[in-house]
Amino acid sequence: MTSTLTDRCRDFSGLAPEADVDAGAMIGLFQRFRPDGRGLKGLYDGLAHDESLHDRLTQLFEAAGDDGKNGGGRDAYFIVRKPPVLDADVAQDHGQHWLKSIKQMAERVGNTALAESLQTLPRIRVLEGMPPKQPKSDRQTFPLLAALKDDAATLTDNVACDNEVVSLMREAYYFTACDWALRDYLLWPTYAEAFGQSDAMSGYFELWRHGVKWRVFHDDMIDLYLPR
């Protein structure tokens, strides 16, 4: 195993020895190692937080499982197709933890607009079944949706920017599921000290691995949809 993360990424990606390795080149890296991710063993060895980063990567693969589709083909993203059952009260607790964490993160980085929008935490309603689609126009209608889709997604943008793991893996983690909150959970060991929170995103990850989807159709409430 070569000594730097950049060299390891080049090896795992199958890039030529002289090829540039940047965040864009890493998009799709984790999909190459479905379903179990075992081929990524040693990716973070010797780096700060290596055990925690490896543990979270293992959790990602375990939650999504096999990427084969019924009838053939492969999932392009990490999709939880066989989620474990989650109690509605527990789902609500996870949702509250996530929202409280975002508020604290916003306060930490001085995003007063986002922190104030969550000063009174939204109510959480737990439903079952397939969630309705969220029209893009709803971002103008419901400021809460814009706060979570846009503002909260950027809270870690300029944190630990000199960290090699973040600079190389941020995009790759995002495109595992096109999900900023999942990305930040997987990278949280690199952010924990800066935000003063040991694990801000664990509530969200628990929702994700149980197949829960969230929607905003009121400006003071979030709907969590449990799969049937």
Protein backbone atom coordinates (compact mmCIF):
# COMPACT_ATOMS: atom_id res chain seq x y z
CA MET A 1 0.00 0.00 0.00
CA THR A 2 1.39 3.37 -0.99
CA SER A 3 1.90 5.94 1.70
CA THR A 4 -0.36 8.89 0.89
CA LEU A 5 -4.11 9.06 0.51
CA THR A 6 -3.69 10.55 -2.96
CA ASP A 7 -1.61 7.57 -4.07
CA ARG A 8 -4.04 5.14 -2.51
CA CYS A 9 -6.95 6.80 -4.29
CA ARG A 10 -5.07 6.53 -7.57
CA ASP A 11 -4.54 2.81 -6.95
CA PHE A 12 -8.11 2.09 -5.86
CA SER A 13 -9.52 4.04 -8.81
CA GLY A 14 -7.35 2.27 -11.34
CA LEU A 15 -5.90 5.55 -12.58
CA ALA A 16 -2.62 5.75 -14.45
CA PRO A 17 0.43 6.57 -12.26
CA GLU A 18 0.74 10.01 -13.83
CA ALA A 19 -2.99 10.83 -13.65
CA ASP A 20 -4.17 13.81 -11.61
CA VAL A 21 -6.11 12.90 -8.50
CA ASP A 22 -8.66 15.46 -7.33
CA ALA A 23 -12.15 15.52 -5.88
CA GLY A 24 -13.76 15.15 -9.31
CA ALA A 25 -11.72 12.07 -10.12
CA MET A 26 -12.97 10.39 -6.94
CA ILE A 27 -16.67 10.58 -7.85
CA GLY A 28 -17.90 7.01 -8.21
CA LEU A 29 -14.98 5.55 -6.27
CA PHE A 30 -17.13 3.86 -3.62
CA GLN A 31 -19.56 2.43 -6.17
CA ARG A 32 -16.66 0.44 -7.61
CA PHE A 33 -16.48 -1.61 -4.41
CA ARG A 34 -20.10 -2.62 -3.98
CA PRO A 35 -21.57 -4.58 -2.36
CA ASP A 36 -19.36 -4.90 0.73
CA GLY A 37 -16.52 -2.37 0.33
CA ARG A 38 -13.90 -4.88 1.43
CA GLY A 39 -11.60 -3.87 -1.39
CA LEU A 40 -11.20 -0.46 0.26
CA LYS A 41 -9.42 -1.90 3.28
CA GLY A 42 -6.54 0.33 4.31
CA LEU A 43 -7.78 3.44 2.49
CA TYR A 44 -7.38 5.67 5.56
CA ASP A 45 -4.71 3.75 7.46
CA GLY A 46 -2.33 5.98 9.36
CA LEU A 47 -4.41 9.12 8.90
CA ALA A 48 -6.15 11.04 11.67
CA HIS A 49 -9.45 9.39 12.63
CA ASP A 50 -8.69 6.40 10.42
CA GLU A 51 -10.67 3.90 12.51
CA SER A 52 -13.75 6.12 12.69
CA LEU A 53 -13.65 6.85 8.96
CA HIS A 54 -13.32 3.15 8.15
CA ASP A 55 -16.18 2.30 10.53
CA ARG A 56 -18.52 4.77 8.85
CA LEU A 57 -17.57 3.57 5.41
CA THR A 58 -18.43 0.02 6.52
CA GLN A 59 -21.79 1.27 7.82
CA LEU A 60 -22.54 2.79 4.42
CA PHE A 61 -21.95 -0.49 2.60
CA GLU A 62 -23.81 -2.53 5.19
CA ALA A 63 -26.86 -0.27 5.06
CA ALA A 64 -27.15 -0.27 1.27
CA GLY A 65 -26.19 -3.91 0.80
CA ASP A 66 -26.26 -5.54 -2.61
CA ASP A 67 -26.49 -3.08 -5.50
CA GLY A 68 -28.18 -5.53 -7.88
CA LYS A 69 -31.62 -4.54 -9.19
CA ASN A 70 -34.49 -6.93 -9.68
CA GLY A 71 -34.44 -7.92 -13.32
CA GLY A 72 -30.79 -7.03 -13.79
CA GLY A 73 -28.60 -3.97 -13.68
CA ARG A 74 -26.93 -2.16 -10.79
CA ASP A 75 -27.89 0.81 -8.65
CA ALA A 76 -25.95 3.93 -9.59
CA TYR A 77 -26.25 5.17 -6.00
CA PHE A 78 -26.30 3.67 -2.53
CA ILE A 79 -29.99 2.92 -1.96
CA VAL A 80 -31.37 1.19 1.13
CA ARG A 81 -33.72 -1.36 -0.40
CA LYS A 82 -34.26 -3.58 2.64
CA PRO A 83 -34.35 -1.21 5.60
CA PRO A 84 -34.84 -2.55 9.13
CA VAL A 85 -38.06 -1.59 10.89
CA LEU A 86 -37.96 1.66 12.86
CA ASP A 87 -40.42 2.68 15.58
CA ALA A 88 -42.17 5.99 14.93
CA ASP A 89 -41.16 7.46 18.30
CA VAL A 90 -37.52 6.53 17.68
CA ALA A 91 -37.69 8.12 14.22
CA GLN A 92 -38.97 11.30 15.80
CA ASP A 93 -36.10 11.29 18.30
CA HIS A 94 -33.56 10.88 15.49
CA GLY A 95 -35.16 13.74 13.58
CA GLN A 96 -35.03 16.04 16.60
CA HIS A 97 -31.38 15.17 17.19
CA TRP A 98 -30.57 16.04 13.59
CA LEU A 99 -32.34 19.40 13.69
CA LYS A 100 -30.79 20.36 17.03
CA SER A 101 -27.38 19.48 15.66
CA ILE A 102 -27.86 21.63 12.57
CA LYS A 103 -28.88 24.57 14.77
CA GLN A 104 -25.75 24.12 16.91
CA MET A 105 -23.57 23.84 13.81
CA ALA A 106 -25.04 27.03 12.40
CA GLU A 107 -24.33 28.85 15.66
CA ARG A 108 -20.77 27.54 15.67
CA VAL A 109 -19.91 28.87 12.20
CA GLY A 110 -21.84 32.12 12.62
CA ASN A 111 -24.69 31.35 10.23
CA THR A 112 -27.15 33.43 12.21
CA ALA A 113 -29.92 33.26 9.60
CA LEU A 114 -30.02 29.47 9.71
CA ALA A 115 -29.66 29.34 13.49
CA GLU A 116 -32.53 31.79 13.91
CA SER A 117 -34.73 29.84 11.49
CA LEU A 118 -34.30 26.83 13.78
CA GLN A 119 -34.55 28.77 17.06
CA THR A 120 -37.94 27.15 17.55
CA LEU A 121 -37.39 23.65 16.22
CA PRO A 122 -39.94 22.46 13.67
CA ARG A 123 -42.48 19.88 14.71
CA ILE A 124 -41.86 16.39 13.40
CA ARG A 125 -44.71 14.31 12.05
CA VAL A 126 -44.10 10.64 11.34
CA LEU A 127 -46.06 9.02 8.51
CA GLU A 128 -45.84 5.78 6.56
CA GLY A 129 -45.59 5.02 2.87
CA MET A 130 -44.20 6.58 -0.26
CA PRO A 131 -43.53 10.30 0.23
CA PRO A 132 -44.91 12.76 -2.34
CA LYS A 133 -42.42 14.57 -4.51
CA GLN A 134 -41.14 17.90 -3.27
CA PRO A 135 -41.61 20.53 -6.04
CA LYS A 136 -38.61 22.80 -6.51
CA SER A 137 -40.90 25.82 -6.18
CA ASP A 138 -41.52 24.85 -2.57
CA ARG A 139 -38.14 26.37 -1.65
CA GLN A 140 -39.67 29.80 -2.28
CA THR A 141 -42.89 28.85 -0.47
CA PHE A 142 -41.36 27.29 2.62
CA PRO A 143 -38.22 28.99 4.00
CA LEU A 144 -37.66 25.95 6.25
CA LEU A 145 -37.15 23.79 3.16
CA ALA A 146 -34.65 26.24 1.68
CA ALA A 147 -32.83 26.38 5.02
CA LEU A 148 -32.38 22.60 5.09
CA LYS A 149 -31.78 22.04 1.38
CA ASP A 150 -29.49 24.99 0.78
CA ASP A 151 -28.11 26.63 3.92
CA ALA A 152 -27.57 23.53 6.06
CA ALA A 153 -25.91 21.77 3.14
CA THR A 154 -23.09 24.34 3.14
CA LEU A 155 -22.27 24.40 6.86
CA THR A 156 -19.18 22.23 6.42
CA ASP A 157 -18.02 23.83 3.16
CA ASN A 158 -15.11 25.77 4.64
CA VAL A 159 -14.35 23.60 7.65
CA ALA A 160 -11.28 21.35 7.63
CA CYS A 161 -10.62 22.49 4.07
CA ASP A 162 -6.92 21.77 4.52
CA ASN A 163 -7.69 18.16 5.43
CA GLU A 164 -6.69 15.72 2.69
CA VAL A 165 -9.60 13.39 3.41
CA VAL A 166 -12.12 16.21 3.05
CA SER A 167 -10.56 17.70 -0.08
CA LEU A 168 -10.42 14.35 -1.87
CA MET A 169 -13.51 12.56 -0.55
CA ARG A 170 -16.17 15.24 -0.06
CA GLU A 171 -17.57 14.95 -3.59
CA ALA A 172 -17.21 11.17 -3.68
CA TYR A 173 -19.23 10.84 -0.47
CA TYR A 174 -21.88 13.26 -1.68
CA PHE A 175 -22.43 11.30 -4.88
CA THR A 176 -22.88 7.99 -3.08
CA ALA A 177 -26.52 9.07 -2.71
CA CYS A 178 -26.62 12.77 -3.77
CA ASP A 179 -27.18 13.53 -0.09
CA TRP A 180 -25.28 16.26 1.78
CA ALA A 181 -26.33 15.02 5.22
CA LEU A 182 -25.10 11.50 4.51
CA ARG A 183 -21.85 13.01 3.22
CA ASP A 184 -21.36 14.97 6.43
CA TYR A 185 -22.10 11.93 8.58
CA LEU A 186 -19.46 9.88 6.79
CA LEU A 187 -16.88 12.67 7.12
CA TRP A 188 -17.90 13.83 10.60
CA PRO A 189 -14.77 12.55 12.39
CA THR A 190 -12.85 15.23 10.47
CA TYR A 191 -15.32 17.97 11.51
CA ALA A 192 -16.05 17.05 15.13
CA GLU A 193 -13.39 19.20 16.76
CA ALA A 194 -14.18 22.28 14.69
CA PHE A 195 -17.88 22.08 15.56
CA GLY A 196 -17.44 20.96 19.15
CA GLN A 197 -19.89 18.10 18.60
CA SER A 198 -18.88 14.47 18.81
CA ASP A 199 -21.51 13.31 16.34
CA ALA A 200 -23.92 15.84 14.89
CA MET A 201 -25.25 13.69 12.07
CA SER A 202 -25.88 10.31 13.67
CA GLY A 203 -29.61 10.99 13.95
CA TYR A 204 -29.80 11.60 10.23
CA PHE A 205 -27.82 8.47 9.40
CA GLU A 206 -30.19 6.36 11.48
CA LEU A 207 -33.11 7.75 9.49
CA TRP A 208 -31.32 7.11 6.20
CA ARG A 209 -30.33 3.54 6.96
CA HIS A 210 -33.92 2.78 7.97
CA GLY A 211 -35.18 4.07 4.62
CA VAL A 212 -36.85 7.17 6.07
CA LYS A 213 -37.49 10.11 3.72
CA TRP A 214 -38.16 13.68 4.82
CA ARG A 215 -40.37 16.34 3.26
CA VAL A 216 -41.41 19.90 4.13
CA PHE A 217 -44.95 21.04 3.28
CA HIS A 218 -45.35 23.46 6.19
CA ASP A 219 -42.93 26.06 7.47
CA ASP A 220 -43.01 24.76 11.02
CA MET A 221 -43.09 21.01 10.46
CA ILE A 222 -41.09 18.23 8.84
CA ASP A 223 -42.74 15.02 7.71
CA LEU A 224 -40.77 11.78 8.10
CA TYR A 225 -42.00 8.90 5.95
CA LEU A 226 -41.33 5.41 7.21
CA PRO A 227 -41.29 2.69 4.55
CA ARG A 228 -44.16 0.21 4.81
